[in-house]
Full PDB file with SEQRES, HELIX, SHEET, SSBOND, CRYST1, ORIGX, SCALE, CONECT and MASTER records, all heavy atoms in Angstrom:
SEQRES   1 A   30  PHE TYR ASP PRO ASP THR ASP GLU ILE GLY LEU LEU GLU          
SEQRES   2 A   30  ILE ASN SER ARG HIS SER GLN SER HIS ALA VAL LEU PHE          
SEQRES   3 A   30  ASP HIS VAL ASP                                              
HELIX    1 AA1 ALA A   23  VAL A   29  1                                   7    
SHEET    1 AA1 2 TYR A   2  ASP A   3  0                                        
SHEET    2 AA1 2 GLU A   8  ILE A   9 -1                                        
CRYST1    1.000    1.000    1.000  90.00  90.00  90.00 P 1           1          
ORIGX1      1.000000  0.000000  0.000000        0.00000                         
ORIGX2      0.000000  1.000000  0.000000        0.00000                         
ORIGX3      0.000000  0.000000  1.000000        0.00000                         
SCALE1      1.000000  0.000000  0.000000        0.00000                         
SCALE2      0.000000  1.000000  0.000000        0.00000                         
SCALE3      0.000000  0.000000  1.000000        0.00000                         
ATOM      1  N   PHE A   1      44.341 181.633 160.765  1.00  0.00           N  
ATOM      2  CA  PHE A   1      44.429 180.273 160.301  1.00  0.00           C  
ATOM      3  C   PHE A   1      43.040 179.681 160.441  1.00  0.00           C  
ATOM      4  O   PHE A   1      42.357 179.911 161.480  1.00  0.00           O  
ATOM      5  CB  PHE A   1      45.478 179.597 161.205  1.00  0.00           C  
ATOM      6  CG  PHE A   1      46.862 179.634 160.610  1.00  0.00           C  
ATOM      7  CD1 PHE A   1      47.734 180.664 161.025  1.00  0.00           C  
ATOM      8  CD2 PHE A   1      47.331 178.653 159.858  1.00  0.00           C  
ATOM      9  CE1 PHE A   1      49.076 180.759 160.546  1.00  0.00           C  
ATOM     10  CE2 PHE A   1      48.715 178.634 159.332  1.00  0.00           C  
ATOM     11  CZ  PHE A   1      49.489 179.708 159.733  1.00  0.00           C  
ATOM     12  N   TYR A   2      42.647 178.901 159.498  1.00  0.00           N  
ATOM     13  CA  TYR A   2      41.339 178.123 159.719  1.00  0.00           C  
ATOM     14  C   TYR A   2      41.706 176.695 159.545  1.00  0.00           C  
ATOM     15  O   TYR A   2      42.315 176.248 158.514  1.00  0.00           O  
ATOM     16  CB  TYR A   2      40.360 178.563 158.663  1.00  0.00           C  
ATOM     17  CG  TYR A   2      39.192 177.590 158.623  1.00  0.00           C  
ATOM     18  CD1 TYR A   2      38.218 177.491 159.742  1.00  0.00           C  
ATOM     19  CD2 TYR A   2      39.019 176.749 157.521  1.00  0.00           C  
ATOM     20  CE1 TYR A   2      37.236 176.564 159.621  1.00  0.00           C  
ATOM     21  CE2 TYR A   2      37.963 175.812 157.489  1.00  0.00           C  
ATOM     22  CZ  TYR A   2      37.131 175.741 158.576  1.00  0.00           C  
ATOM     23  OH  TYR A   2      36.128 174.887 158.491  1.00  0.00           O  
ATOM     24  N   ASP A   3      41.391 175.860 160.538  1.00  0.00           N  
ATOM     25  CA  ASP A   3      41.623 174.506 160.556  1.00  0.00           C  
ATOM     26  C   ASP A   3      40.293 173.675 160.087  1.00  0.00           C  
ATOM     27  O   ASP A   3      39.368 173.588 160.883  1.00  0.00           O  
ATOM     28  CB  ASP A   3      42.102 173.993 161.986  1.00  0.00           C  
ATOM     29  CG  ASP A   3      42.540 172.519 161.946  1.00  0.00           C  
ATOM     30  OD1 ASP A   3      42.255 171.725 160.936  1.00  0.00           O  
ATOM     31  OD2 ASP A   3      43.410 172.141 162.967  1.00  0.00           O  
ATOM     32  N   PRO A   4      40.390 173.105 158.878  1.00  0.00           N  
ATOM     33  CA  PRO A   4      39.147 172.550 158.444  1.00  0.00           C  
ATOM     34  C   PRO A   4      38.830 171.149 159.235  1.00  0.00           C  
ATOM     35  O   PRO A   4      37.688 170.676 159.137  1.00  0.00           O  
ATOM     36  CB  PRO A   4      39.525 172.147 156.955  1.00  0.00           C  
ATOM     37  CG  PRO A   4      40.879 172.163 156.872  1.00  0.00           C  
ATOM     38  CD  PRO A   4      41.452 173.176 157.887  1.00  0.00           C  
ATOM     39  N   ASP A   5      39.854 170.604 159.884  1.00  0.00           N  
ATOM     40  CA  ASP A   5      39.675 169.321 160.583  1.00  0.00           C  
ATOM     41  C   ASP A   5      38.914 169.559 161.930  1.00  0.00           C  
ATOM     42  O   ASP A   5      37.954 168.838 162.404  1.00  0.00           O  
ATOM     43  CB  ASP A   5      40.968 168.651 160.896  1.00  0.00           C  
ATOM     44  CG  ASP A   5      41.688 168.171 159.616  1.00  0.00           C  
ATOM     45  OD1 ASP A   5      41.005 167.756 158.741  1.00  0.00           O  
ATOM     46  OD2 ASP A   5      42.866 168.193 159.644  1.00  0.00           O  
ATOM     47  N   THR A   6      39.215 170.633 162.548  1.00  0.00           N  
ATOM     48  CA  THR A   6      38.561 170.987 163.804  1.00  0.00           C  
ATOM     49  C   THR A   6      37.426 172.176 163.715  1.00  0.00           C  
ATOM     50  O   THR A   6      36.820 172.495 164.686  1.00  0.00           O  
ATOM     51  CB  THR A   6      39.508 171.497 164.884  1.00  0.00           C  
ATOM     52  OG1 THR A   6      40.218 172.628 164.490  1.00  0.00           O  
ATOM     53  CG2 THR A   6      40.639 170.344 165.017  1.00  0.00           C  
ATOM     54  N   ASP A   7      37.509 172.861 162.529  1.00  0.00           N  
ATOM     55  CA  ASP A   7      36.617 173.984 162.316  1.00  0.00           C  
ATOM     56  C   ASP A   7      37.031 175.210 163.218  1.00  0.00           C  
ATOM     57  O   ASP A   7      36.116 176.117 163.488  1.00  0.00           O  
ATOM     58  CB  ASP A   7      35.103 173.570 162.552  1.00  0.00           C  
ATOM     59  CG  ASP A   7      34.247 174.591 161.821  1.00  0.00           C  
ATOM     60  OD1 ASP A   7      34.588 175.162 160.733  1.00  0.00           O  
ATOM     61  OD2 ASP A   7      33.149 174.927 162.327  1.00  0.00           O  
ATOM     62  N   GLU A   8      38.243 175.267 163.685  1.00  0.00           N  
ATOM     63  CA  GLU A   8      38.695 176.240 164.543  1.00  0.00           C  
ATOM     64  C   GLU A   8      39.366 177.417 163.774  1.00  0.00           C  
ATOM     65  O   GLU A   8      39.978 177.170 162.737  1.00  0.00           O  
ATOM     66  CB  GLU A   8      39.744 175.758 165.658  1.00  0.00           C  
ATOM     67  CG  GLU A   8      39.036 174.843 166.617  1.00  0.00           C  
ATOM     68  CD  GLU A   8      40.131 174.291 167.588  1.00  0.00           C  
ATOM     69  OE1 GLU A   8      41.324 174.545 167.392  1.00  0.00           O  
ATOM     70  OE2 GLU A   8      39.664 173.621 168.616  1.00  0.00           O  
ATOM     71  N   ILE A   9      39.234 178.588 164.137  1.00  0.00           N  
ATOM     72  CA  ILE A   9      39.808 179.828 163.657  1.00  0.00           C  
ATOM     73  C   ILE A   9      40.780 180.358 164.716  1.00  0.00           C  
ATOM     74  O   ILE A   9      40.486 180.471 165.852  1.00  0.00           O  
ATOM     75  CB  ILE A   9      38.797 180.836 163.284  1.00  0.00           C  
ATOM     76  CG1 ILE A   9      37.843 180.402 162.116  1.00  0.00           C  
ATOM     77  CG2 ILE A   9      39.331 182.168 163.015  1.00  0.00           C  
ATOM     78  CD1 ILE A   9      36.750 181.308 161.829  1.00  0.00           C  
ATOM     79  N   GLY A  10      41.998 180.782 164.307  1.00  0.00           N  
ATOM     80  CA  GLY A  10      42.952 181.476 165.023  1.00  0.00           C  
ATOM     81  C   GLY A  10      43.541 182.734 164.417  1.00  0.00           C  
ATOM     82  O   GLY A  10      43.935 182.719 163.315  1.00  0.00           O  
ATOM     83  N   LEU A  11      43.424 183.808 165.199  1.00  0.00           N  
ATOM     84  CA  LEU A  11      43.898 185.139 164.635  1.00  0.00           C  
ATOM     85  C   LEU A  11      45.444 185.212 164.839  1.00  0.00           C  
ATOM     86  O   LEU A  11      45.980 185.045 165.939  1.00  0.00           O  
ATOM     87  CB  LEU A  11      43.288 186.200 165.388  1.00  0.00           C  
ATOM     88  CG  LEU A  11      43.398 187.624 164.780  1.00  0.00           C  
ATOM     89  CD1 LEU A  11      42.344 188.660 165.291  1.00  0.00           C  
ATOM     90  CD2 LEU A  11      44.833 188.323 165.074  1.00  0.00           C  
ATOM     91  N   LEU A  12      46.117 185.314 163.568  1.00  0.00           N  
ATOM     92  CA  LEU A  12      47.535 185.408 163.638  1.00  0.00           C  
ATOM     93  C   LEU A  12      48.042 186.823 163.908  1.00  0.00           C  
ATOM     94  O   LEU A  12      48.831 186.991 164.878  1.00  0.00           O  
ATOM     95  CB  LEU A  12      48.131 184.996 162.268  1.00  0.00           C  
ATOM     96  CG  LEU A  12      49.538 184.971 162.112  1.00  0.00           C  
ATOM     97  CD1 LEU A  12      50.320 184.029 162.998  1.00  0.00           C  
ATOM     98  CD2 LEU A  12      49.913 184.628 160.611  1.00  0.00           C  
ATOM     99  N   GLU A  13      47.656 187.784 163.141  1.00  0.00           N  
ATOM    100  CA  GLU A  13      48.157 189.156 163.437  1.00  0.00           C  
ATOM    101  C   GLU A  13      47.251 190.217 162.781  1.00  0.00           C  
ATOM    102  O   GLU A  13      46.523 189.926 161.846  1.00  0.00           O  
ATOM    103  CB  GLU A  13      49.607 189.314 163.062  1.00  0.00           C  
ATOM    104  CG  GLU A  13      49.938 189.299 161.512  1.00  0.00           C  
ATOM    105  CD  GLU A  13      51.361 189.546 161.269  1.00  0.00           C  
ATOM    106  OE1 GLU A  13      52.150 189.626 162.273  1.00  0.00           O  
ATOM    107  OE2 GLU A  13      51.662 189.956 160.088  1.00  0.00           O  
ATOM    108  N   ILE A  14      47.338 191.449 163.306  1.00  0.00           N  
ATOM    109  CA  ILE A  14      46.576 192.558 162.664  1.00  0.00           C  
ATOM    110  C   ILE A  14      47.484 193.550 162.116  1.00  0.00           C  
ATOM    111  O   ILE A  14      48.436 193.961 162.675  1.00  0.00           O  
ATOM    112  CB  ILE A  14      45.694 193.262 163.767  1.00  0.00           C  
ATOM    113  CG1 ILE A  14      44.722 192.185 164.414  1.00  0.00           C  
ATOM    114  CG2 ILE A  14      44.950 194.355 163.186  1.00  0.00           C  
ATOM    115  CD1 ILE A  14      43.971 192.900 165.632  1.00  0.00           C  
ATOM    116  N   ASN A  15      47.210 193.965 160.894  1.00  0.00           N  
ATOM    117  CA  ASN A  15      48.020 195.005 160.186  1.00  0.00           C  
ATOM    118  C   ASN A  15      47.085 196.233 160.099  1.00  0.00           C  
ATOM    119  O   ASN A  15      45.931 196.170 159.592  1.00  0.00           O  
ATOM    120  CB  ASN A  15      48.480 194.550 158.780  1.00  0.00           C  
ATOM    121  CG  ASN A  15      49.307 193.289 158.834  1.00  0.00           C  
ATOM    122  OD1 ASN A  15      50.407 193.264 159.419  1.00  0.00           O  
ATOM    123  ND2 ASN A  15      48.796 192.184 158.226  1.00  0.00           N  
ATOM    124  N   SER A  16      47.577 197.358 160.464  1.00  0.00           N  
ATOM    125  CA  SER A  16      46.788 198.617 160.582  1.00  0.00           C  
ATOM    126  C   SER A  16      46.832 199.225 159.169  1.00  0.00           C  
ATOM    127  O   SER A  16      46.924 200.540 159.037  1.00  0.00           O  
ATOM    128  CB  SER A  16      47.308 199.550 161.591  1.00  0.00           C  
ATOM    129  OG  SER A  16      48.748 199.976 161.366  1.00  0.00           O  
ATOM    130  N   ARG A  17      46.780 198.509 158.142  1.00  0.00           N  
ATOM    131  CA  ARG A  17      46.844 198.991 156.742  1.00  0.00           C  
ATOM    132  C   ARG A  17      46.381 197.866 155.820  1.00  0.00           C  
ATOM    133  O   ARG A  17      46.462 196.772 156.179  1.00  0.00           O  
ATOM    134  CB  ARG A  17      48.284 199.418 156.320  1.00  0.00           C  
ATOM    135  CG  ARG A  17      49.155 198.247 156.539  1.00  0.00           C  
ATOM    136  CD  ARG A  17      50.568 198.288 155.999  1.00  0.00           C  
ATOM    137  NE  ARG A  17      51.385 197.193 156.422  1.00  0.00           N  
ATOM    138  CZ  ARG A  17      51.269 196.088 155.947  1.00  0.00           C  
ATOM    139  NH1 ARG A  17      50.343 195.802 154.878  1.00  0.00           N  
ATOM    140  NH2 ARG A  17      51.986 195.019 156.333  1.00  0.00           N  
ATOM    141  N   HIS A  18      45.921 198.245 154.698  1.00  0.00           N  
ATOM    142  CA  HIS A  18      45.467 197.253 153.732  1.00  0.00           C  
ATOM    143  C   HIS A  18      46.837 196.786 153.031  1.00  0.00           C  
ATOM    144  O   HIS A  18      47.890 197.310 153.240  1.00  0.00           O  
ATOM    145  CB  HIS A  18      44.504 197.723 152.699  1.00  0.00           C  
ATOM    146  CG  HIS A  18      45.162 198.650 151.743  1.00  0.00           C  
ATOM    147  ND1 HIS A  18      45.414 199.923 152.033  1.00  0.00           N  
ATOM    148  CD2 HIS A  18      45.474 198.631 150.425  1.00  0.00           C  
ATOM    149  CE1 HIS A  18      45.961 200.691 151.096  1.00  0.00           C  
ATOM    150  NE2 HIS A  18      46.070 199.804 150.021  1.00  0.00           N  
ATOM    151  N   SER A  19      46.790 195.592 152.302  1.00  0.00           N  
ATOM    152  CA  SER A  19      47.907 195.016 151.774  1.00  0.00           C  
ATOM    153  C   SER A  19      48.070 195.554 150.270  1.00  0.00           C  
ATOM    154  O   SER A  19      47.241 195.350 149.521  1.00  0.00           O  
ATOM    155  CB  SER A  19      47.956 193.589 151.765  1.00  0.00           C  
ATOM    156  OG  SER A  19      48.922 193.002 150.985  1.00  0.00           O  
ATOM    157  N   GLN A  20      49.161 196.214 150.115  1.00  0.00           N  
ATOM    158  CA  GLN A  20      49.397 196.649 148.616  1.00  0.00           C  
ATOM    159  C   GLN A  20      49.726 195.490 147.720  1.00  0.00           C  
ATOM    160  O   GLN A  20      49.452 195.612 146.497  1.00  0.00           O  
ATOM    161  CB  GLN A  20      50.626 197.734 148.622  1.00  0.00           C  
ATOM    162  CG  GLN A  20      51.995 197.062 149.151  1.00  0.00           C  
ATOM    163  CD  GLN A  20      52.803 196.389 148.170  1.00  0.00           C  
ATOM    164  OE1 GLN A  20      52.622 196.660 146.984  1.00  0.00           O  
ATOM    165  NE2 GLN A  20      53.630 195.441 148.590  1.00  0.00           N  
ATOM    166  N   SER A  21      49.997 194.363 148.297  1.00  0.00           N  
ATOM    167  CA  SER A  21      50.250 193.042 147.548  1.00  0.00           C  
ATOM    168  C   SER A  21      48.939 192.681 146.859  1.00  0.00           C  
ATOM    169  O   SER A  21      48.989 191.955 145.872  1.00  0.00           O  
ATOM    170  CB  SER A  21      50.884 192.018 148.309  1.00  0.00           C  
ATOM    171  OG  SER A  21      52.232 192.344 148.597  1.00  0.00           O  
ATOM    172  N   HIS A  22      47.792 193.012 147.500  1.00  0.00           N  
ATOM    173  CA  HIS A  22      46.566 192.503 147.035  1.00  0.00           C  
ATOM    174  C   HIS A  22      45.882 193.525 146.088  1.00  0.00           C  
ATOM    175  O   HIS A  22      44.754 193.229 145.555  1.00  0.00           O  
ATOM    176  CB  HIS A  22      45.607 192.427 148.245  1.00  0.00           C  
ATOM    177  CG  HIS A  22      46.102 191.383 149.275  1.00  0.00           C  
ATOM    178  ND1 HIS A  22      45.650 191.255 150.587  1.00  0.00           N  
ATOM    179  CD2 HIS A  22      47.041 190.370 149.220  1.00  0.00           C  
ATOM    180  CE1 HIS A  22      46.255 190.336 151.228  1.00  0.00           C  
ATOM    181  NE2 HIS A  22      47.137 189.781 150.445  1.00  0.00           N  
ATOM    182  N   ALA A  23      46.446 194.745 145.919  1.00  0.00           N  
ATOM    183  CA  ALA A  23      45.824 195.770 145.207  1.00  0.00           C  
ATOM    184  C   ALA A  23      45.366 195.291 143.836  1.00  0.00           C  
ATOM    185  O   ALA A  23      44.186 195.417 143.327  1.00  0.00           O  
ATOM    186  CB  ALA A  23      46.694 197.048 145.161  1.00  0.00           C  
ATOM    187  N   VAL A  24      46.274 194.686 142.987  1.00  0.00           N  
ATOM    188  CA  VAL A  24      46.020 194.349 141.658  1.00  0.00           C  
ATOM    189  C   VAL A  24      44.903 193.142 141.640  1.00  0.00           C  
ATOM    190  O   VAL A  24      44.247 192.925 140.660  1.00  0.00           O  
ATOM    191  CB  VAL A  24      47.271 193.892 140.954  1.00  0.00           C  
ATOM    192  CG1 VAL A  24      47.875 192.585 141.439  1.00  0.00           C  
ATOM    193  CG2 VAL A  24      47.055 193.819 139.368  1.00  0.00           C  
ATOM    194  N   LEU A  25      44.955 192.260 142.739  1.00  0.00           N  
ATOM    195  CA  LEU A  25      43.990 191.197 142.738  1.00  0.00           C  
ATOM    196  C   LEU A  25      42.580 191.697 142.871  1.00  0.00           C  
ATOM    197  O   LEU A  25      41.796 191.222 142.174  1.00  0.00           O  
ATOM    198  CB  LEU A  25      44.302 190.252 143.997  1.00  0.00           C  
ATOM    199  CG  LEU A  25      45.728 189.875 144.202  1.00  0.00           C  
ATOM    200  CD1 LEU A  25      45.861 188.820 145.221  1.00  0.00           C  
ATOM    201  CD2 LEU A  25      46.257 189.272 142.868  1.00  0.00           C  
ATOM    202  N   PHE A  26      42.302 192.672 143.653  1.00  0.00           N  
ATOM    203  CA  PHE A  26      40.935 193.247 143.697  1.00  0.00           C  
ATOM    204  C   PHE A  26      40.733 193.953 142.333  1.00  0.00           C  
ATOM    205  O   PHE A  26      39.537 193.846 141.872  1.00  0.00           O  
ATOM    206  CB  PHE A  26      40.936 194.373 144.823  1.00  0.00           C  
ATOM    207  CG  PHE A  26      40.804 193.689 146.231  1.00  0.00           C  
ATOM    208  CD1 PHE A  26      41.909 193.511 146.931  1.00  0.00           C  
ATOM    209  CD2 PHE A  26      39.540 193.386 146.673  1.00  0.00           C  
ATOM    210  CE1 PHE A  26      41.643 192.926 148.255  1.00  0.00           C  
ATOM    211  CE2 PHE A  26      39.346 192.793 147.996  1.00  0.00           C  
ATOM    212  CZ  PHE A  26      40.506 192.617 148.746  1.00  0.00           C  
ATOM    213  N   ASP A  27      41.623 194.564 141.676  1.00  0.00           N  
ATOM    214  CA  ASP A  27      41.384 195.206 140.412  1.00  0.00           C  
ATOM    215  C   ASP A  27      40.965 194.208 139.414  1.00  0.00           C  
ATOM    216  O   ASP A  27      40.081 194.343 138.527  1.00  0.00           O  
ATOM    217  CB  ASP A  27      42.664 196.019 139.938  1.00  0.00           C  
ATOM    218  CG  ASP A  27      42.383 196.961 138.867  1.00  0.00           C  
ATOM    219  OD1 ASP A  27      41.199 197.366 138.698  1.00  0.00           O  
ATOM    220  OD2 ASP A  27      43.241 197.302 138.142  1.00  0.00           O  
ATOM    221  N   HIS A  28      41.715 193.029 139.363  1.00  0.00           N  
ATOM    222  CA  HIS A  28      41.272 192.010 138.358  1.00  0.00           C  
ATOM    223  C   HIS A  28      40.037 191.374 138.622  1.00  0.00           C  
ATOM    224  O   HIS A  28      39.326 191.116 137.616  1.00  0.00           O  
ATOM    225  CB  HIS A  28      42.422 190.727 138.585  1.00  0.00           C  
ATOM    226  CG  HIS A  28      43.717 191.046 137.792  1.00  0.00           C  
ATOM    227  ND1 HIS A  28      44.025 192.108 136.989  1.00  0.00           N  
ATOM    228  CD2 HIS A  28      44.886 190.353 137.955  1.00  0.00           C  
ATOM    229  CE1 HIS A  28      45.074 191.954 136.469  1.00  0.00           C  
ATOM    230  NE2 HIS A  28      45.729 190.913 137.034  1.00  0.00           N  
ATOM    231  N   VAL A  29      39.545 191.270 139.795  1.00  0.00           N  
ATOM    232  CA  VAL A  29      38.254 190.653 140.134  1.00  0.00           C  
ATOM    233  C   VAL A  29      37.173 191.596 140.266  1.00  0.00           C  
ATOM    234  O   VAL A  29      35.947 191.374 139.723  1.00  0.00           O  
ATOM    235  CB  VAL A  29      38.450 189.652 141.410  1.00  0.00           C  
ATOM    236  CG1 VAL A  29      37.087 189.123 141.787  1.00  0.00           C  
ATOM    237  CG2 VAL A  29      39.438 188.621 141.170  1.00  0.00           C  
ATOM    238  N   ASP A  30      37.351 192.647 140.903  1.00  0.00           N  
ATOM    239  CA  ASP A  30      36.236 193.626 141.294  1.00  0.00           C  
ATOM    240  C   ASP A  30      36.181 194.859 140.399  1.00  0.00           C  
ATOM    241  O   ASP A  30      35.294 195.588 140.364  1.00  0.00           O  
ATOM    242  CB  ASP A  30      36.328 194.038 142.773  1.00  0.00           C  
ATOM    243  CG  ASP A  30      35.947 192.818 143.655  1.00  0.00           C  
ATOM    244  OD1 ASP A  30      35.105 192.079 143.245  1.00  0.00           O  
ATOM    245  OD2 ASP A  30      36.362 192.818 144.900  1.00  0.00           O  
TER     246      ASP A  30                                                      
MASTER        0    0    0    1    2    0    0    6  245    1    0    3          
END                                                                             
């Protein structure tokens, strides 16, 4: 999470794998 009002960053969770949901997004852009 990034709070633009306070400029603070908070780590929510770590996944030990990339996201398959993002695969086509990278393909579209990169």
